Amino acid sequence: MAKMAKSKGIEKHDSVVETEAVQTGSELAVVQGGDQAKLSVVKGLTRDRIEEMRNQLALLQEFVAKVMIRGEHYGIIPGTQKPTLLKAGAEFLREAYGFEVRSICVDKKFIPADGEDRERDYVEFTYRVELFQNGVSVGVCEGSCNNYERRYEKLSAFSVMNTIQKMAQKRAYVGAVISATRSSNIFTQDLEDEPELVTKAMATPSQAKLIWARLKNELQLNDFAARDFIAKTVGKMHSRDLTAGDVQTLLDTIDSKVQELKKEATSA
């Protein structure tokens, strides 16, 4: 038998509407009283829904582990509990899910400073990014940025206005992607605005092995020459001391050397 509970006091415009909540299995039917009764169904959890959510989470975790690249799509900051989703990673996830994007500026402010101290002018942008799938909104977030934030406080408002605008857009974009993909249990965006922290994060053992393998296999360097190459390129004597930024520098340098060797072989 369905369980029924009555309640009063739900305001709609200037009237009070009597409602009845009817629990039927996994659904909660809300019946509004009056001459023209309306019925709306709020779906609850089902075993099929639980299984679907579990599968979606497993697929997302597999995508992060097998496809996304640390240091490019996300960064791991020492002392933090979750990886930080970067703009490139947010774009990658959005493309994988097939979301459409709508981005609008919802507020912008310019408040001139008193007197002649133009560096104290105040500029702020706020953007809203909403993501859609098959025409249905699946995630929305607002992001703002102003020139009184620590990194901009010593710069004039006009010199950083474009940067502030883009930062507001980026914050809204990353937040909307995390919301739409339900990935807040995997990623944070709190440090996404601090890419220098990402590059300072220590390299993983697999990244260090990749550098070592490319030096030996592609550049044909022995152990001594490989260590010398690393020392001259990033100033580190041991691979265990490499940061994520060092890895990227080394990979770029190796790529350049490989191209040079190919050109030499072609012209010989």
C-alpha atoms as a PDB file:
ATOM      1  CA  MET A   1       0.000   0.000   0.000  1.00  0.00           C
ATOM      2  CA  ALA A   2       1.253   3.458  -0.833  1.00  0.00           C
ATOM      3  CA  LYS A   3       2.258   5.641   2.074  1.00  0.00           C
ATOM      4  CA  MET A   4       0.772   9.114   2.042  1.00  0.00           C
ATOM      5  CA  ALA A   5       1.757  12.220   3.943  1.00  0.00           C
ATOM      6  CA  LYS A   6       0.031  15.595   3.810  1.00  0.00           C
ATOM      7  CA  SER A   7       1.711  18.928   4.312  1.00  0.00           C
ATOM      8  CA  LYS A   8       0.662  22.553   4.141  1.00  0.00           C
ATOM      9  CA  GLY A   9       2.598  25.743   3.756  1.00  0.00           C
ATOM     10  CA  ILE A  10       4.184  25.496   0.307  1.00  0.00           C
ATOM     11  CA  GLU A  11       3.906  28.978  -1.126  1.00  0.00           C
ATOM     12  CA  LYS A  12       3.250  29.458  -4.814  1.00  0.00           C
ATOM     13  CA  HIS A  13       3.038  33.098  -5.774  1.00  0.00           C
ATOM     14  CA  ASP A  14       0.714  34.543  -3.108  1.00  0.00           C
ATOM     15  CA  SER A  15      -1.252  31.386  -2.402  1.00  0.00           C
ATOM     16  CA  VAL A  16      -0.805  28.328  -0.232  1.00  0.00           C
ATOM     17  CA  VAL A  17      -1.057  24.999  -2.037  1.00  0.00           C
ATOM     18  CA  GLU A  18      -1.866  21.749  -0.256  1.00  0.00           C
ATOM     19  CA  THR A  19       0.342  18.889  -1.336  1.00  0.00           C
ATOM     20  CA  GLU A  20       0.407  15.150  -0.873  1.00  0.00           C
ATOM     21  CA  ALA A  21       3.581  13.079  -1.127  1.00  0.00           C
ATOM     22  CA  VAL A  22       2.915   9.487  -2.145  1.00  0.00           C
ATOM     23  CA  GLN A  23       5.771   6.979  -1.816  1.00  0.00           C
ATOM     24  CA  THR A  24       5.435   4.188  -4.351  1.00  0.00           C
ATOM     25  CA  GLY A  25       8.407   1.882  -4.549  1.00  0.00           C
ATOM     26  CA  SER A  26      11.409   3.868  -5.751  1.00  0.00           C
ATOM     27  CA  GLU A  27       9.407   6.914  -6.848  1.00  0.00           C
ATOM     28  CA  LEU A  28       8.013   9.855  -4.909  1.00  0.00           C
ATOM     29  CA  ALA A  29       4.876  11.337  -6.455  1.00  0.00           C
ATOM     30  CA  VAL A  30       4.081  14.915  -5.413  1.00  0.00           C
ATOM     31  CA  VAL A  31       0.372  15.716  -5.823  1.00  0.00           C
ATOM     32  CA  GLN A  32      -0.724  19.349  -5.640  1.00  0.00           C
ATOM     33  CA  GLY A  33      -4.279  19.891  -4.488  1.00  0.00           C
ATOM     34  CA  GLY A  34      -6.868  22.217  -5.940  1.00  0.00           C
ATOM     35  CA  ASP A  35      -9.333  22.112  -8.772  1.00  0.00           C
ATOM     36  CA  GLN A  36      -6.680  21.052 -11.257  1.00  0.00           C
ATOM     37  CA  ALA A  37      -4.431  18.565  -9.457  1.00  0.00           C
ATOM     38  CA  LYS A  38      -0.935  18.164 -10.890  1.00  0.00           C
ATOM     39  CA  LEU A  39       1.252  15.095 -10.570  1.00  0.00           C
ATOM     40  CA  SER A  40       5.045  15.233 -10.812  1.00  0.00           C
ATOM     41  CA  VAL A  41       7.269  12.221 -10.258  1.00  0.00           C
ATOM     42  CA  VAL A  42      10.653  12.448  -8.570  1.00  0.00           C
ATOM     43  CA  LYS A  43      12.623   9.344  -9.438  1.00  0.00           C
ATOM     44  CA  GLY A  44      14.564   7.679  -6.663  1.00  0.00           C
ATOM     45  CA  LEU A  45      17.476   5.265  -6.732  1.00  0.00           C
ATOM     46  CA  THR A  46      17.051   1.889  -8.346  1.00  0.00           C
ATOM     47  CA  ARG A  47      19.443  -1.018  -8.633  1.00  0.00           C
ATOM     48  CA  ASP A  48      19.745  -0.379 -12.372  1.00  0.00           C
ATOM     49  CA  ARG A  49      20.587   3.266 -11.706  1.00  0.00           C
ATOM     50  CA  ILE A  50      23.196   2.322  -9.107  1.00  0.00           C
ATOM     51  CA  GLU A  51      24.808  -0.090 -11.562  1.00  0.00           C
ATOM     52  CA  GLU A  52      24.759   2.553 -14.302  1.00  0.00           C
ATOM     53  CA  MET A  53      26.435   5.106 -12.028  1.00  0.00           C
ATOM     54  CA  ARG A  54      29.058   2.556 -10.964  1.00  0.00           C
ATOM     55  CA  ASN A  55      29.848   1.762 -14.600  1.00  0.00           C
ATOM     56  CA  GLN A  56      30.080   5.436 -15.538  1.00  0.00           C
ATOM     57  CA  LEU A  57      32.520   6.094 -12.697  1.00  0.00           C
ATOM     58  CA  ALA A  58      34.625   3.086 -13.682  1.00  0.00           C
ATOM     59  CA  LEU A  59      34.782   4.280 -17.307  1.00  0.00           C
ATOM     60  CA  LEU A  60      35.788   7.778 -16.220  1.00  0.00           C
ATOM     61  CA  GLN A  61      38.532   6.425 -13.959  1.00  0.00           C
ATOM     62  CA  GLU A  62      39.779   4.217 -16.805  1.00  0.00           C
ATOM     63  CA  PHE A  63      39.799   7.196 -19.182  1.00  0.00           C
ATOM     64  CA  VAL A  64      41.818   9.263 -16.711  1.00  0.00           C
ATOM     65  CA  ALA A  65      44.295   6.448 -16.085  1.00  0.00           C
ATOM     66  CA  LYS A  66      44.792   5.291 -19.677  1.00  0.00           C
ATOM     67  CA  VAL A  67      44.214   8.358 -21.848  1.00  0.00           C
ATOM     68  CA  MET A  68      44.805  11.552 -19.904  1.00  0.00           C
ATOM     69  CA  ILE A  69      48.402  12.705 -19.458  1.00  0.00           C
ATOM     70  CA  ARG A  70      49.780  13.895 -16.146  1.00  0.00           C
ATOM     71  CA  GLY A  71      51.367  17.322 -16.447  1.00  0.00           C
ATOM     72  CA  GLU A  72      49.315  18.117 -19.550  1.00  0.00           C
ATOM     73  CA  HIS A  73      45.711  17.298 -18.684  1.00  0.00           C
ATOM     74  CA  TYR A  74      46.026  17.285 -14.909  1.00  0.00           C
ATOM     75  CA  GLY A  75      48.672  17.922 -12.275  1.00  0.00           C
ATOM     76  CA  ILE A  76      49.430  16.469  -8.878  1.00  0.00           C
ATOM     77  CA  ILE A  77      50.475  19.061  -6.332  1.00  0.00           C
ATOM     78  CA  PRO A  78      52.483  17.782  -3.344  1.00  0.00           C
ATOM     79  CA  GLY A  79      50.373  17.924  -0.194  1.00  0.00           C
ATOM     80  CA  THR A  80      47.021  17.883  -1.994  1.00  0.00           C
ATOM     81  CA  GLN A  81      44.547  15.001  -1.935  1.00  0.00           C
ATOM     82  CA  LYS A  82      43.254  15.172  -5.518  1.00  0.00           C
ATOM     83  CA  PRO A  83      44.794  15.856  -8.930  1.00  0.00           C
ATOM     84  CA  THR A  84      44.115  19.330 -10.286  1.00  0.00           C
ATOM     85  CA  LEU A  85      42.217  19.400 -13.584  1.00  0.00           C
ATOM     86  CA  LEU A  86      43.920  21.738 -16.060  1.00  0.00           C
ATOM     87  CA  LYS A  87      42.242  23.626 -18.916  1.00  0.00           C
ATOM     88  CA  ALA A  88      43.631  21.197 -21.501  1.00  0.00           C
ATOM     89  CA  GLY A  89      42.241  18.276 -19.500  1.00  0.00           C
ATOM     90  CA  ALA A  90      38.841  19.939 -19.193  1.00  0.00           C
ATOM     91  CA  GLU A  91      38.743  20.428 -22.963  1.00  0.00           C
ATOM     92  CA  PHE A  92      39.757  16.792 -23.462  1.00  0.00           C
ATOM     93  CA  LEU A  93      36.983  15.536 -21.175  1.00  0.00           C
ATOM     94  CA  ARG A  94      34.390  17.812 -22.789  1.00  0.00           C
ATOM     95  CA  GLU A  95      35.294  16.454 -26.214  1.00  0.00           C
ATOM     96  CA  ALA A  96      35.184  12.846 -24.976  1.00  0.00           C
ATOM     97  CA  TYR A  97      31.674  13.326 -23.568  1.00  0.00           C
ATOM     98  CA  GLY A  98      30.487  15.279 -26.619  1.00  0.00           C
ATOM     99  CA  PHE A  99      29.238  18.289 -24.667  1.00  0.00           C
ATOM    100  CA  GLU A 100      28.239  21.508 -26.409  1.00  0.00           C
ATOM    101  CA  VAL A 101      29.414  24.727 -24.756  1.00  0.00           C
ATOM    102  CA  ARG A 102      27.660  28.013 -24.075  1.00  0.00           C
ATOM    103  CA  SER A 103      29.801  30.723 -22.503  1.00  0.00           C
ATOM    104  CA  ILE A 104      28.543  34.196 -21.660  1.00  0.00           C
ATOM    105  CA  CYS A 105      29.872  37.138 -19.675  1.00  0.00           C
ATOM    106  CA  VAL A 106      27.318  37.779 -16.928  1.00  0.00           C
ATOM    107  CA  ASP A 107      29.085  40.675 -15.217  1.00  0.00           C
ATOM    108  CA  LYS A 108      32.010  43.026 -15.751  1.00  0.00           C
ATOM    109  CA  LYS A 109      33.141  45.857 -13.548  1.00  0.00           C
ATOM    110  CA  PHE A 110      35.559  48.739 -13.846  1.00  0.00           C
ATOM    111  CA  ILE A 111      35.903  50.986 -10.821  1.00  0.00           C
ATOM    112  CA  PRO A 112      38.476  53.772 -11.194  1.00  0.00           C
ATOM    113  CA  ALA A 113      40.668  54.456  -8.214  1.00  0.00           C
ATOM    114  CA  ASP A 114      40.478  57.715  -6.312  1.00  0.00           C
ATOM    115  CA  GLY A 115      43.167  60.217  -7.200  1.00  0.00           C
ATOM    116  CA  GLU A 116      45.971  59.516  -9.659  1.00  0.00           C
ATOM    117  CA  ASP A 117      46.917  56.025  -8.495  1.00  0.00           C
ATOM    118  CA  ARG A 118      45.748  54.278 -11.674  1.00  0.00           C
ATOM    119  CA  GLU A 119      47.301  50.977 -10.570  1.00  0.00           C
ATOM    120  CA  ARG A 120      44.515  50.685  -8.004  1.00  0.00           C
ATOM    121  CA  ASP A 121      41.728  50.699 -10.610  1.00  0.00           C
ATOM    122  CA  TYR A 122      39.471  47.706 -10.072  1.00  0.00           C
ATOM    123  CA  VAL A 123      38.547  45.327 -12.903  1.00  0.00           C
ATOM    124  CA  GLU A 124      36.469  42.175 -12.570  1.00  0.00           C
ATOM    125  CA  PHE A 125      34.908  39.718 -15.019  1.00  0.00           C
ATOM    126  CA  THR A 126      32.378  36.957 -14.297  1.00  0.00           C
ATOM    127  CA  TYR A 127      31.536  34.277 -16.846  1.00  0.00           C
ATOM    128  CA  ARG A 128      28.973  31.510 -16.869  1.00  0.00           C
ATOM    129  CA  VAL A 129      29.731  28.339 -18.811  1.00  0.00           C
ATOM    130  CA  GLU A 130      26.932  25.845 -19.396  1.00  0.00           C
ATOM    131  CA  LEU A 131      27.396  22.442 -21.015  1.00  0.00           C
ATOM    132  CA  PHE A 132      24.728  20.607 -22.995  1.00  0.00           C
ATOM    133  CA  GLN A 133      24.283  17.074 -24.279  1.00  0.00           C
ATOM    134  CA  ASN A 134      21.600  16.484 -26.890  1.00  0.00           C
ATOM    135  CA  GLY A 135      20.142  19.863 -26.007  1.00  0.00           C
ATOM    136  CA  VAL A 136      19.881  19.110 -22.278  1.00  0.00           C
ATOM    137  CA  SER A 137      21.862  21.125 -19.746  1.00  0.00           C
ATOM    138  CA  VAL A 138      24.220  18.819 -17.833  1.00  0.00           C
ATOM    139  CA  GLY A 139      26.495  21.248 -15.985  1.00  0.00           C
ATOM    140  CA  VAL A 140      26.906  24.940 -15.275  1.00  0.00           C
ATOM    141  CA  CYS A 141      29.448  27.023 -13.390  1.00  0.00           C
ATOM    142  CA  GLU A 142      30.289  30.685 -12.905  1.00  0.00           C
ATOM    143  CA  GLY A 143      33.877  31.878 -12.599  1.00  0.00           C
ATOM    144  CA  SER A 144      35.219  35.319 -11.805  1.00  0.00           C
ATOM    145  CA  CYS A 145      38.591  37.023 -11.650  1.00  0.00           C
ATOM    146  CA  ASN A 146      39.769  40.479 -10.617  1.00  0.00           C
ATOM    147  CA  ASN A 147      43.040  42.395 -10.601  1.00  0.00           C
ATOM    148  CA  TYR A 148      43.147  42.606  -6.799  1.00  0.00           C
ATOM    149  CA  GLU A 149      44.118  38.930  -6.660  1.00  0.00           C
ATOM    150  CA  ARG A 150      47.651  38.307  -5.424  1.00  0.00           C
ATOM    151  CA  ARG A 151      49.260  37.559  -8.781  1.00  0.00           C
ATOM    152  CA  TYR A 152      47.935  40.789 -10.352  1.00  0.00           C
ATOM    153  CA  GLU A 153      48.070  43.221  -7.444  1.00  0.00           C
ATOM    154  CA  LYS A 154      51.313  44.888  -8.575  1.00  0.00           C
ATOM    155  CA  LEU A 155      50.165  45.333 -12.166  1.00  0.00           C
ATOM    156  CA  SER A 156      47.944  48.013 -13.675  1.00  0.00           C
ATOM    157  CA  ALA A 157      44.362  47.068 -14.422  1.00  0.00           C
ATOM    158  CA  PHE A 158      44.695  47.843 -18.124  1.00  0.00           C
ATOM    159  CA  SER A 159      47.800  45.687 -18.564  1.00  0.00           C
ATOM    160  CA  VAL A 160      46.059  42.566 -17.218  1.00  0.00           C
ATOM    161  CA  MET A 161      42.479  43.161 -18.333  1.00  0.00           C
ATOM    162  CA  ASN A 162      42.582  40.571 -21.127  1.00  0.00           C
ATOM    163  CA  THR A 163      44.315  38.047 -18.860  1.00  0.00           C
ATOM    164  CA  ILE A 164      41.680  38.522 -16.158  1.00  0.00           C
ATOM    165  CA  GLN A 165      38.889  38.012 -18.668  1.00  0.00           C
ATOM    166  CA  LYS A 166      40.411  34.755 -19.921  1.00  0.00           C
ATOM    167  CA  MET A 167      41.017  33.541 -16.366  1.00  0.00           C
ATOM    168  CA  ALA A 168      37.359  34.058 -15.476  1.00  0.00           C
ATOM    169  CA  GLN A 169      36.344  32.085 -18.565  1.00  0.00           C
ATOM    170  CA  LYS A 170      38.771  29.293 -17.705  1.00  0.00           C
ATOM    171  CA  ARG A 171      37.559  28.963 -14.131  1.00  0.00           C
ATOM    172  CA  ALA A 172      33.955  28.705 -15.276  1.00  0.00           C
ATOM    173  CA  TYR A 173      34.876  26.206 -18.005  1.00  0.00           C
ATOM    174  CA  VAL A 174      36.841  23.838 -15.759  1.00  0.00           C
ATOM    175  CA  GLY A 175      34.178  24.011 -13.047  1.00  0.00           C
ATOM    176  CA  ALA A 176      31.405  23.233 -15.532  1.00  0.00           C
ATOM    177  CA  VAL A 177      33.289  20.204 -16.888  1.00  0.00           C
ATOM    178  CA  ILE A 178      33.889  18.821 -13.381  1.00  0.00           C
ATOM    179  CA  SER A 179      30.189  19.305 -12.622  1.00  0.00           C
ATOM    180  CA  ALA A 180      28.941  17.771 -15.883  1.00  0.00           C
ATOM    181  CA  THR A 181      31.233  14.736 -15.706  1.00  0.00           C
ATOM    182  CA  ARG A 182      30.527  14.222 -11.989  1.00  0.00           C
ATOM    183  CA  SER A 183      34.293  14.037 -11.449  1.00  0.00           C
ATOM    184  CA  SER A 184      34.662  16.132  -8.292  1.00  0.00           C
ATOM    185  CA  ASN A 185      35.611  12.922  -6.468  1.00  0.00           C
ATOM    186  CA  ILE A 186      38.588  12.609  -8.845  1.00  0.00           C
ATOM    187  CA  PHE A 187      39.621  16.201  -9.619  1.00  0.00           C
ATOM    188  CA  THR A 188      39.774  19.588  -8.000  1.00  0.00           C
ATOM    189  CA  GLN A 189      40.229  22.931  -9.712  1.00  0.00           C
ATOM    190  CA  ASP A 190      41.396  24.841  -6.629  1.00  0.00           C
ATOM    191  CA  LEU A 191      44.980  24.980  -7.893  1.00  0.00           C
ATOM    192  CA  GLU A 192      44.243  25.021 -11.611  1.00  0.00           C
ATOM    193  CA  ASP A 193      45.202  28.699 -11.695  1.00  0.00           C
ATOM    194  CA  GLU A 194      48.696  27.916 -10.385  1.00  0.00           C
ATOM    195  CA  PRO A 195      50.383  26.016 -13.257  1.00  0.00           C
ATOM    196  CA  GLU A 196      53.787  26.767 -11.772  1.00  0.00           C
ATOM    197  CA  LEU A 197      52.883  24.465  -8.875  1.00  0.00           C
ATOM    198  CA  VAL A 198      52.050  21.709 -11.339  1.00  0.00           C
ATOM    199  CA  THR A 199      55.400  21.985 -13.099  1.00  0.00           C
ATOM    200  CA  LYS A 200      57.183  21.891  -9.735  1.00  0.00           C
ATOM    201  CA  ALA A 201      55.522  18.612  -8.775  1.00  0.00           C
ATOM    202  CA  MET A 202      57.949  15.698  -8.734  1.00  0.00           C
ATOM    203  CA  ALA A 203      58.095  13.478 -11.807  1.00  0.00           C
ATOM    204  CA  THR A 204      56.683   9.977 -11.526  1.00  0.00           C
ATOM    205  CA  PRO A 205      58.977   6.921 -11.809  1.00  0.00           C
ATOM    206  CA  SER A 206      57.370   6.096 -15.177  1.00  0.00           C
ATOM    207  CA  GLN A 207      58.214   9.555 -16.498  1.00  0.00           C
ATOM    208  CA  ALA A 208      61.829   9.194 -15.372  1.00  0.00           C
ATOM    209  CA  LYS A 209      62.017   5.759 -17.065  1.00  0.00           C
ATOM    210  CA  LEU A 210      60.595   7.260 -20.254  1.00  0.00           C
ATOM    211  CA  ILE A 211      63.322   9.922 -20.319  1.00  0.00           C
ATOM    212  CA  TRP A 212      66.030   7.332 -19.689  1.00  0.00           C
ATOM    213  CA  ALA A 213      64.675   4.994 -22.392  1.00  0.00           C
ATOM    214  CA  ARG A 214      64.500   7.723 -25.022  1.00  0.00           C
ATOM    215  CA  LEU A 215      68.023   8.924 -24.254  1.00  0.00           C
ATOM    216  CA  LYS A 216      69.436   5.421 -24.644  1.00  0.00           C
ATOM    217  CA  ASN A 217      67.281   4.156 -27.533  1.00  0.00           C
ATOM    218  CA  GLU A 218      66.721   7.237 -29.684  1.00  0.00           C
ATOM    219  CA  LEU A 219      69.890   9.235 -28.984  1.00  0.00           C
ATOM    220  CA  GLN A 220      72.061   6.142 -28.436  1.00  0.00           C
ATOM    221  CA  LEU A 221      73.613   7.551 -25.249  1.00  0.00           C
ATOM    222  CA  ASN A 222      75.372   5.412 -22.652  1.00  0.00           C
ATOM    223  CA  ASP A 223      74.703   5.882 -18.941  1.00  0.00           C
ATOM    224  CA  PHE A 224      77.393   8.533 -18.468  1.00  0.00           C
ATOM    225  CA  ALA A 225      76.320  10.519 -21.542  1.00  0.00           C
ATOM    226  CA  ALA A 226      72.642  10.289 -20.554  1.00  0.00           C
ATOM    227  CA  ARG A 227      73.358  11.701 -17.087  1.00  0.00           C
ATOM    228  CA  ASP A 228      75.441  14.456 -18.666  1.00  0.00           C
ATOM    229  CA  PHE A 229      72.588  15.282 -21.061  1.00  0.00           C
ATOM    230  CA  ILE A 230      70.113  15.590 -18.165  1.00  0.00           C
ATOM    231  CA  ALA A 231      72.531  17.720 -16.123  1.00  0.00           C
ATOM    232  CA  LYS A 232      73.209  20.125 -18.995  1.00  0.00           C
ATOM    233  CA  THR A 233      69.521  20.396 -19.932  1.00  0.00           C
ATOM    234  CA  VAL A 234      67.811  20.857 -16.554  1.00  0.00           C
ATOM    235  CA  GLY A 235      70.696  21.053 -14.066  1.00  0.00           C
ATOM    236  CA  LYS A 236      69.783  17.835 -12.225  1.00  0.00           C
ATOM    237  CA  MET A 237      72.231  15.011 -11.522  1.00  0.00           C
ATOM    238  CA  HIS A 238      69.692  12.262 -10.775  1.00  0.00           C
ATOM    239  CA  SER A 239      66.407  11.312 -12.408  1.00  0.00           C
ATOM    240  CA  ARG A 240      64.796  11.052  -8.958  1.00  0.00           C
ATOM    241  CA  ASP A 241      65.213  14.835  -8.619  1.00  0.00           C
ATOM    242  CA  LEU A 242      63.287  15.645 -11.799  1.00  0.00           C
ATOM    243  CA  THR A 243      60.088  17.667 -11.658  1.00  0.00           C
ATOM    244  CA  ALA A 244      57.176  17.482 -14.089  1.00  0.00           C
ATOM    245  CA  GLY A 245      58.484  20.672 -15.651  1.00  0.00           C
ATOM    246  CA  ASP A 246      61.937  19.105 -16.089  1.00  0.00           C
ATOM    247  CA  VAL A 247      60.368  16.116 -17.835  1.00  0.00           C
ATOM    248  CA  GLN A 248      58.609  18.336 -20.343  1.00  0.00           C
ATOM    249  CA  THR A 249      61.822  20.291 -20.989  1.00  0.00           C
ATOM    250  CA  LEU A 250      63.770  17.082 -21.513  1.00  0.00           C
ATOM    251  CA  LEU A 251      61.149  15.602 -23.837  1.00  0.00           C
ATOM    252  CA  ASP A 252      61.131  18.774 -25.944  1.00  0.00           C
ATOM    253  CA  THR A 253      64.941  18.772 -26.100  1.00  0.00           C
ATOM    254  CA  ILE A 254      65.055  15.081 -27.032  1.00  0.00           C
ATOM    255  CA  ASP A 255      62.514  15.701 -29.800  1.00  0.00           C
ATOM    256  CA  SER A 256      64.706  18.503 -31.173  1.00  0.00           C
ATOM    257  CA  LYS A 257      67.810  16.300 -31.078  1.00  0.00           C
ATOM    258  CA  VAL A 258      65.990  13.473 -32.839  1.00  0.00           C
ATOM    259  CA  GLN A 259      64.912  15.847 -35.606  1.00  0.00           C
ATOM    260  CA  GLU A 260      68.487  17.090 -35.958  1.00  0.00           C
ATOM    261  CA  LEU A 261      69.752  13.520 -36.313  1.00  0.00           C
ATOM    262  CA  LYS A 262      67.142  12.784 -38.977  1.00  0.00           C
ATOM    263  CA  LYS A 263      68.148  15.850 -40.970  1.00  0.00           C
ATOM    264  CA  GLU A 264      71.814  14.896 -40.735  1.00  0.00           C
ATOM    265  CA  ALA A 265      71.031  11.383 -41.923  1.00  0.00           C
ATOM    266  CA  THR A 266      68.979  12.702 -44.842  1.00  0.00           C
ATOM    267  CA  SER A 267      71.648  15.172 -45.988  1.00  0.00           C
ATOM    268  CA  ALA A 268      74.494  12.664 -45.652  1.00  0.00           C
END
